[in-house]
Amino acid sequence: MFEAGPPIRLLLVEDEALVLMDERRILAQEGYEVLPFRRGDDAVETARNAAGIDMLITDIDLGPGIDGVEVARRIRGFKPMPVLFLSSSEPSALEDKARDLGGYAFLKKGFSKAALLEAVGKALSRRAAR
């Protein structure tokens, strides 16, 4: 009999509550364990203390507080993992900062369910190939 391993854990950071709920639902329906946050600082603290987080998915613009690029920079400072940045805007200075991180993907908001799942799958596959 096939024994499934632990679920893949995704850290999801999005300041808009309805968007967060929708993205969480899409990912959970595919079997991912999703840890949702509306504030970057909370996500960083959880990543620091929780084991087994496989990937970070974060909006770039998180409103007041730290932005998604800073969330990724802080987390990857102590826990290397793939990052998927989400943004509703065209390439900007924040996205230019994100390019300096390396090992990330970018998805423009308004994406389909299939596009989100494909981006997550590709990022996790690249990680597994290392």
N, C-alpha and C. Protein backbone atom coordinates (compact mmCIF):
# COMPACT_ATOMS: atom_id res chain seq x y z
N MET A 1 0.84 -1.19 0.00
CA MET A 1 0.00 0.00 0.00
C MET A 1 0.88 1.24 0.00
N PHE A 2 0.48 2.26 -0.74
CA PHE A 2 1.22 3.51 -0.85
C PHE A 2 0.96 4.38 0.38
N GLU A 3 2.03 4.82 1.00
CA GLU A 3 1.93 5.70 2.17
C GLU A 3 2.25 7.12 1.73
N ALA A 4 1.30 8.00 1.85
CA ALA A 4 1.52 9.40 1.46
C ALA A 4 2.36 10.09 2.51
N GLY A 5 3.22 10.98 2.05
CA GLY A 5 4.04 11.77 2.96
C GLY A 5 3.24 12.91 3.54
N PRO A 6 3.89 13.74 4.30
CA PRO A 6 3.19 14.89 4.88
C PRO A 6 2.76 15.84 3.77
N PRO A 7 1.69 16.59 3.99
CA PRO A 7 1.25 17.53 2.95
C PRO A 7 2.30 18.63 2.74
N ILE A 8 2.30 19.17 1.55
CA ILE A 8 3.18 20.30 1.24
C ILE A 8 2.58 21.53 1.91
N ARG A 9 3.41 22.23 2.70
CA ARG A 9 2.94 23.39 3.47
C ARG A 9 3.35 24.68 2.76
N LEU A 10 2.37 25.52 2.50
CA LEU A 10 2.57 26.80 1.84
C LEU A 10 2.26 27.93 2.80
N LEU A 11 3.15 28.90 2.86
CA LEU A 11 2.93 30.12 3.63
C LEU A 11 2.35 31.13 2.65
N LEU A 12 1.12 31.58 2.87
CA LEU A 12 0.41 32.48 1.96
C LEU A 12 0.20 33.82 2.65
N VAL A 13 0.69 34.90 2.04
CA VAL A 13 0.58 36.23 2.62
C VAL A 13 -0.15 37.14 1.64
N GLU A 14 -1.30 37.66 2.07
CA GLU A 14 -2.14 38.52 1.23
C GLU A 14 -2.94 39.41 2.16
N ASP A 15 -2.85 40.74 1.95
CA ASP A 15 -3.53 41.66 2.86
C ASP A 15 -5.02 41.79 2.62
N GLU A 16 -5.51 41.40 1.45
CA GLU A 16 -6.94 41.51 1.16
C GLU A 16 -7.63 40.20 1.58
N ALA A 17 -8.52 40.31 2.55
CA ALA A 17 -9.14 39.13 3.16
C ALA A 17 -9.85 38.22 2.15
N LEU A 18 -10.63 38.79 1.24
CA LEU A 18 -11.36 37.96 0.28
C LEU A 18 -10.43 37.27 -0.70
N VAL A 19 -9.39 37.96 -1.12
CA VAL A 19 -8.41 37.37 -2.02
C VAL A 19 -7.67 36.24 -1.29
N LEU A 20 -7.30 36.49 -0.05
CA LEU A 20 -6.63 35.48 0.76
C LEU A 20 -7.48 34.22 0.88
N MET A 21 -8.76 34.39 1.17
CA MET A 21 -9.66 33.25 1.31
C MET A 21 -9.78 32.47 0.00
N ASP A 22 -9.86 33.18 -1.11
CA ASP A 22 -10.00 32.53 -2.41
C ASP A 22 -8.74 31.75 -2.78
N GLU A 23 -7.58 32.38 -2.60
CA GLU A 23 -6.33 31.70 -2.91
C GLU A 23 -6.12 30.49 -2.00
N ARG A 24 -6.46 30.66 -0.74
CA ARG A 24 -6.32 29.55 0.21
C ARG A 24 -7.21 28.38 -0.21
N ARG A 25 -8.44 28.66 -0.59
CA ARG A 25 -9.38 27.62 -1.02
C ARG A 25 -8.85 26.86 -2.23
N ILE A 26 -8.36 27.59 -3.23
CA ILE A 26 -7.82 26.96 -4.45
C ILE A 26 -6.69 26.01 -4.09
N LEU A 27 -5.77 26.48 -3.27
CA LEU A 27 -4.60 25.68 -2.92
C LEU A 27 -4.97 24.49 -2.03
N ALA A 28 -5.88 24.71 -1.09
CA ALA A 28 -6.29 23.62 -0.19
C ALA A 28 -7.03 22.53 -0.96
N GLN A 29 -7.82 22.91 -1.95
CA GLN A 29 -8.53 21.91 -2.76
C GLN A 29 -7.57 21.00 -3.51
N GLU A 30 -6.37 21.47 -3.75
CA GLU A 30 -5.36 20.66 -4.43
C GLU A 30 -4.52 19.84 -3.45
N GLY A 31 -4.85 19.93 -2.16
CA GLY A 31 -4.18 19.11 -1.17
C GLY A 31 -3.03 19.79 -0.44
N TYR A 32 -2.79 21.05 -0.73
CA TYR A 32 -1.74 21.78 -0.01
C TYR A 32 -2.25 22.18 1.37
N GLU A 33 -1.36 22.19 2.34
CA GLU A 33 -1.68 22.75 3.65
C GLU A 33 -1.28 24.22 3.58
N VAL A 34 -2.23 25.10 3.78
CA VAL A 34 -1.99 26.54 3.60
C VAL A 34 -2.02 27.25 4.96
N LEU A 35 -0.95 27.99 5.23
CA LEU A 35 -0.88 28.83 6.43
C LEU A 35 -1.09 30.26 5.97
N PRO A 36 -2.30 30.83 6.16
CA PRO A 36 -2.62 32.15 5.63
C PRO A 36 -2.32 33.29 6.61
N PHE A 37 -1.84 34.40 6.05
CA PHE A 37 -1.54 35.59 6.86
C PHE A 37 -1.90 36.84 6.08
N ARG A 38 -2.35 37.85 6.81
CA ARG A 38 -2.64 39.15 6.19
C ARG A 38 -1.52 40.14 6.44
N ARG A 39 -0.61 39.84 7.36
CA ARG A 39 0.51 40.74 7.67
C ARG A 39 1.83 40.00 7.49
N GLY A 40 2.76 40.69 6.87
CA GLY A 40 4.06 40.10 6.62
C GLY A 40 4.83 39.73 7.87
N ASP A 41 4.78 40.60 8.89
CA ASP A 41 5.50 40.32 10.14
C ASP A 41 5.03 39.02 10.78
N ASP A 42 3.72 38.76 10.73
CA ASP A 42 3.18 37.53 11.31
C ASP A 42 3.67 36.31 10.55
N ALA A 43 3.75 36.42 9.23
CA ALA A 43 4.24 35.31 8.41
C ALA A 43 5.70 35.02 8.70
N VAL A 44 6.51 36.07 8.85
CA VAL A 44 7.93 35.89 9.15
C VAL A 44 8.09 35.18 10.49
N GLU A 45 7.33 35.60 11.49
CA GLU A 45 7.43 34.98 12.82
C GLU A 45 7.03 33.51 12.77
N THR A 46 5.98 33.20 12.05
CA THR A 46 5.56 31.81 11.94
C THR A 46 6.62 30.98 11.21
N ALA A 47 7.16 31.51 10.13
CA ALA A 47 8.20 30.79 9.39
C ALA A 47 9.41 30.52 10.26
N ARG A 48 9.73 31.45 11.12
CA ARG A 48 10.89 31.30 12.01
C ARG A 48 10.66 30.15 13.01
N ASN A 49 9.42 29.96 13.43
CA ASN A 49 9.12 29.01 14.49
C ASN A 49 8.50 27.69 14.03
N ALA A 50 8.02 27.64 12.79
CA ALA A 50 7.34 26.43 12.31
C ALA A 50 8.28 25.60 11.44
N ALA A 51 8.16 24.31 11.58
CA ALA A 51 8.96 23.40 10.76
C ALA A 51 8.15 22.99 9.54
N GLY A 52 8.85 22.60 8.50
CA GLY A 52 8.21 21.98 7.35
C GLY A 52 7.46 22.90 6.41
N ILE A 53 7.82 24.17 6.35
CA ILE A 53 7.20 25.05 5.37
C ILE A 53 7.99 24.89 4.07
N ASP A 54 7.28 24.60 2.99
CA ASP A 54 7.92 24.28 1.72
C ASP A 54 8.03 25.44 0.75
N MET A 55 7.16 26.44 0.88
CA MET A 55 7.14 27.53 -0.10
C MET A 55 6.42 28.74 0.47
N LEU A 56 6.84 29.92 0.00
CA LEU A 56 6.21 31.19 0.33
C LEU A 56 5.50 31.73 -0.89
N ILE A 57 4.24 32.09 -0.72
CA ILE A 57 3.48 32.80 -1.76
C ILE A 57 3.06 34.10 -1.13
N THR A 58 3.47 35.23 -1.72
CA THR A 58 3.16 36.51 -1.10
C THR A 58 2.82 37.58 -2.13
N ASP A 59 1.83 38.37 -1.77
CA ASP A 59 1.54 39.58 -2.53
C ASP A 59 2.74 40.50 -2.33
N ILE A 60 3.09 41.26 -3.33
CA ILE A 60 4.20 42.20 -3.17
C ILE A 60 3.78 43.39 -2.32
N ASP A 61 2.60 43.94 -2.60
CA ASP A 61 2.12 45.11 -1.85
C ASP A 61 1.19 44.64 -0.75
N LEU A 62 1.68 44.70 0.48
CA LEU A 62 0.89 44.24 1.63
C LEU A 62 0.33 45.38 2.47
N GLY A 63 0.27 46.58 1.91
CA GLY A 63 -0.25 47.71 2.66
C GLY A 63 0.74 48.15 3.72
N PRO A 64 0.25 48.68 4.86
CA PRO A 64 1.15 49.15 5.92
C PRO A 64 2.02 48.01 6.45
N GLY A 65 3.23 48.35 6.82
CA GLY A 65 4.16 47.34 7.32
C GLY A 65 5.13 46.94 6.23
N ILE A 66 5.72 45.77 6.39
CA ILE A 66 6.71 45.34 5.41
C ILE A 66 6.03 44.80 4.15
N ASP A 67 6.70 44.95 3.01
CA ASP A 67 6.14 44.46 1.75
C ASP A 67 6.54 43.01 1.54
N GLY A 68 5.98 42.40 0.51
CA GLY A 68 6.23 41.00 0.23
C GLY A 68 7.68 40.67 -0.06
N VAL A 69 8.40 41.61 -0.68
CA VAL A 69 9.81 41.39 -0.96
C VAL A 69 10.59 41.28 0.34
N GLU A 70 10.27 42.14 1.29
CA GLU A 70 10.95 42.09 2.58
C GLU A 70 10.58 40.82 3.35
N VAL A 71 9.33 40.39 3.23
CA VAL A 71 8.92 39.13 3.85
C VAL A 71 9.80 38.01 3.31
N ALA A 72 9.95 37.95 2.00
CA ALA A 72 10.76 36.90 1.37
C ALA A 72 12.22 37.00 1.79
N ARG A 73 12.75 38.20 1.80
CA ARG A 73 14.15 38.40 2.18
C ARG A 73 14.40 37.91 3.61
N ARG A 74 13.51 38.27 4.52
CA ARG A 74 13.69 37.86 5.93
C ARG A 74 13.57 36.35 6.09
N ILE A 75 12.55 35.77 5.50
CA ILE A 75 12.35 34.33 5.65
C ILE A 75 13.49 33.55 5.01
N ARG A 76 13.89 33.94 3.82
CA ARG A 76 14.95 33.21 3.15
C ARG A 76 16.30 33.43 3.82
N GLY A 77 16.39 34.41 4.71
CA GLY A 77 17.61 34.61 5.48
C GLY A 77 17.85 33.49 6.47
N PHE A 78 16.79 32.81 6.91
CA PHE A 78 16.95 31.71 7.87
C PHE A 78 16.36 30.39 7.38
N LYS A 79 15.57 30.42 6.30
CA LYS A 79 14.94 29.19 5.81
C LYS A 79 14.79 29.27 4.29
N PRO A 80 15.75 28.74 3.53
CA PRO A 80 15.65 28.79 2.06
C PRO A 80 14.39 28.06 1.57
N MET A 81 13.69 28.69 0.66
CA MET A 81 12.49 28.10 0.06
C MET A 81 12.13 28.86 -1.20
N PRO A 82 11.39 28.23 -2.11
CA PRO A 82 10.94 28.96 -3.30
C PRO A 82 9.91 30.02 -2.90
N VAL A 83 9.86 31.08 -3.73
CA VAL A 83 8.94 32.18 -3.47
C VAL A 83 8.16 32.46 -4.75
N LEU A 84 6.86 32.65 -4.60
CA LEU A 84 6.01 33.10 -5.69
C LEU A 84 5.44 34.44 -5.28
N PHE A 85 5.80 35.49 -6.04
CA PHE A 85 5.28 36.83 -5.78
C PHE A 85 4.03 37.04 -6.61
N LEU A 86 3.02 37.64 -6.00
CA LEU A 86 1.78 38.00 -6.67
C LEU A 86 1.66 39.52 -6.67
N SER A 87 1.19 40.09 -7.77
CA SER A 87 1.03 41.54 -7.81
C SER A 87 -0.06 41.92 -8.78
N SER A 88 -0.79 42.97 -8.45
CA SER A 88 -1.82 43.48 -9.35
C SER A 88 -1.27 44.56 -10.26
N SER A 89 -0.04 44.98 -10.01
CA SER A 89 0.53 46.06 -10.81
C SER A 89 1.50 45.52 -11.85
N GLU A 90 1.85 46.39 -12.76
CA GLU A 90 2.89 46.08 -13.75
C GLU A 90 4.23 46.11 -13.03
N PRO A 91 5.28 45.60 -13.68
CA PRO A 91 6.60 45.63 -13.03
C PRO A 91 6.91 47.00 -12.43
N SER A 92 7.44 46.96 -11.23
CA SER A 92 7.70 48.19 -10.48
C SER A 92 9.02 48.09 -9.75
N ALA A 93 9.33 49.09 -8.97
CA ALA A 93 10.57 49.08 -8.19
C ALA A 93 10.58 47.90 -7.22
N LEU A 94 9.43 47.58 -6.63
CA LEU A 94 9.39 46.43 -5.73
C LEU A 94 9.73 45.14 -6.47
N GLU A 95 9.20 45.00 -7.68
CA GLU A 95 9.50 43.81 -8.46
C GLU A 95 10.97 43.77 -8.86
N ASP A 96 11.55 44.94 -9.11
CA ASP A 96 12.98 44.99 -9.40
C ASP A 96 13.77 44.51 -8.18
N LYS A 97 13.33 44.90 -6.98
CA LYS A 97 13.98 44.42 -5.76
C LYS A 97 13.85 42.91 -5.64
N ALA A 98 12.72 42.39 -6.05
CA ALA A 98 12.48 40.94 -5.95
C ALA A 98 13.44 40.18 -6.85
N ARG A 99 13.77 40.73 -7.99
CA ARG A 99 14.68 40.05 -8.91
C ARG A 99 16.04 39.81 -8.25
N ASP A 100 16.45 40.69 -7.35
CA ASP A 100 17.74 40.55 -6.67
C ASP A 100 17.77 39.33 -5.73
N LEU A 101 16.60 38.85 -5.34
CA LEU A 101 16.56 37.70 -4.43
C LEU A 101 16.97 36.41 -5.12
N GLY A 102 16.63 36.26 -6.38
CA GLY A 102 16.89 35.01 -7.08
C GLY A 102 15.96 33.91 -6.57
N GLY A 103 15.74 32.89 -7.39
CA GLY A 103 14.93 31.75 -6.98
C GLY A 103 13.49 32.08 -6.67
N TYR A 104 12.87 32.86 -7.52
CA TYR A 104 11.49 33.23 -7.29
C TYR A 104 10.73 33.19 -8.61
N ALA A 105 9.42 33.23 -8.53
CA ALA A 105 8.55 33.35 -9.69
C ALA A 105 7.61 34.53 -9.45
N PHE A 106 7.02 35.04 -10.51
CA PHE A 106 6.12 36.18 -10.42
C PHE A 106 4.85 35.86 -11.18
N LEU A 107 3.70 36.20 -10.59
CA LEU A 107 2.41 35.98 -11.23
C LEU A 107 1.58 37.24 -11.07
N LYS A 108 1.09 37.75 -12.20
CA LYS A 108 0.26 38.96 -12.16
C LYS A 108 -1.15 38.59 -11.72
N LYS A 109 -1.69 39.34 -10.77
CA LYS A 109 -3.04 39.07 -10.27
C LYS A 109 -4.06 39.19 -11.40
N GLY A 110 -5.12 38.44 -11.22
CA GLY A 110 -6.10 38.27 -12.27
C GLY A 110 -5.86 36.92 -12.92
N PHE A 111 -4.89 36.19 -12.35
CA PHE A 111 -4.51 34.88 -12.86
C PHE A 111 -5.65 33.89 -12.66
N SER A 112 -5.61 32.84 -13.45
CA SER A 112 -6.60 31.77 -13.32
C SER A 112 -6.16 30.77 -12.25
N LYS A 113 -7.08 29.93 -11.85
CA LYS A 113 -6.77 28.85 -10.91
C LYS A 113 -5.65 27.99 -11.49
N ALA A 114 -5.77 27.66 -12.77
CA ALA A 114 -4.76 26.82 -13.42
C ALA A 114 -3.38 27.48 -13.41
N ALA A 115 -3.33 28.78 -13.64
CA ALA A 115 -2.04 29.50 -13.66
C ALA A 115 -1.41 29.49 -12.27
N LEU A 116 -2.21 29.68 -11.23
CA LEU A 116 -1.68 29.65 -9.87
C LEU A 116 -1.12 28.28 -9.54
N LEU A 117 -1.89 27.25 -9.83
CA LEU A 117 -1.44 25.89 -9.53
C LEU A 117 -0.21 25.50 -10.34
N GLU A 118 -0.15 25.94 -11.58
CA GLU A 118 1.02 25.66 -12.41
C GLU A 118 2.26 26.35 -11.85
N ALA A 119 2.13 27.61 -11.45
CA ALA A 119 3.28 28.35 -10.90
C ALA A 119 3.77 27.72 -9.61
N VAL A 120 2.86 27.30 -8.76
CA VAL A 120 3.25 26.64 -7.50
C VAL A 120 3.94 25.32 -7.81
N GLY A 121 3.35 24.54 -8.70
CA GLY A 121 3.93 23.25 -9.06
C GLY A 121 5.32 23.37 -9.64
N LYS A 122 5.52 24.35 -10.52
CA LYS A 122 6.85 24.55 -11.12
C LYS A 122 7.87 24.95 -10.06
N ALA A 123 7.50 25.85 -9.18
CA ALA A 123 8.44 26.28 -8.14
C ALA A 123 8.82 25.13 -7.23
N LEU A 124 7.86 24.31 -6.87
CA LEU A 124 8.15 23.17 -6.00
C LEU A 124 8.96 22.11 -6.74
N SER A 125 8.73 21.94 -8.02
CA SER A 125 9.52 20.99 -8.83
C SER A 125 10.96 21.40 -8.93
N ARG A 126 11.20 22.70 -9.14
CA ARG A 126 12.58 23.19 -9.21
C ARG A 126 13.28 22.97 -7.88
N ARG A 127 12.55 23.15 -6.80
CA ARG A 127 13.14 22.93 -5.47
C ARG A 127 13.51 21.46 -5.29
N ALA A 128 12.61 20.57 -5.69
CA ALA A 128 12.83 19.14 -5.53
C ALA A 128 14.00 18.65 -6.40
N ALA A 129 14.21 19.32 -7.54
CA ALA A 129 15.28 18.91 -8.45
C ALA A 129 16.66 19.25 -7.92
N ARG A 130 16.74 20.15 -6.96
CA ARG A 130 18.04 20.56 -6.43
C ARG A 130 18.67 19.52 -5.57
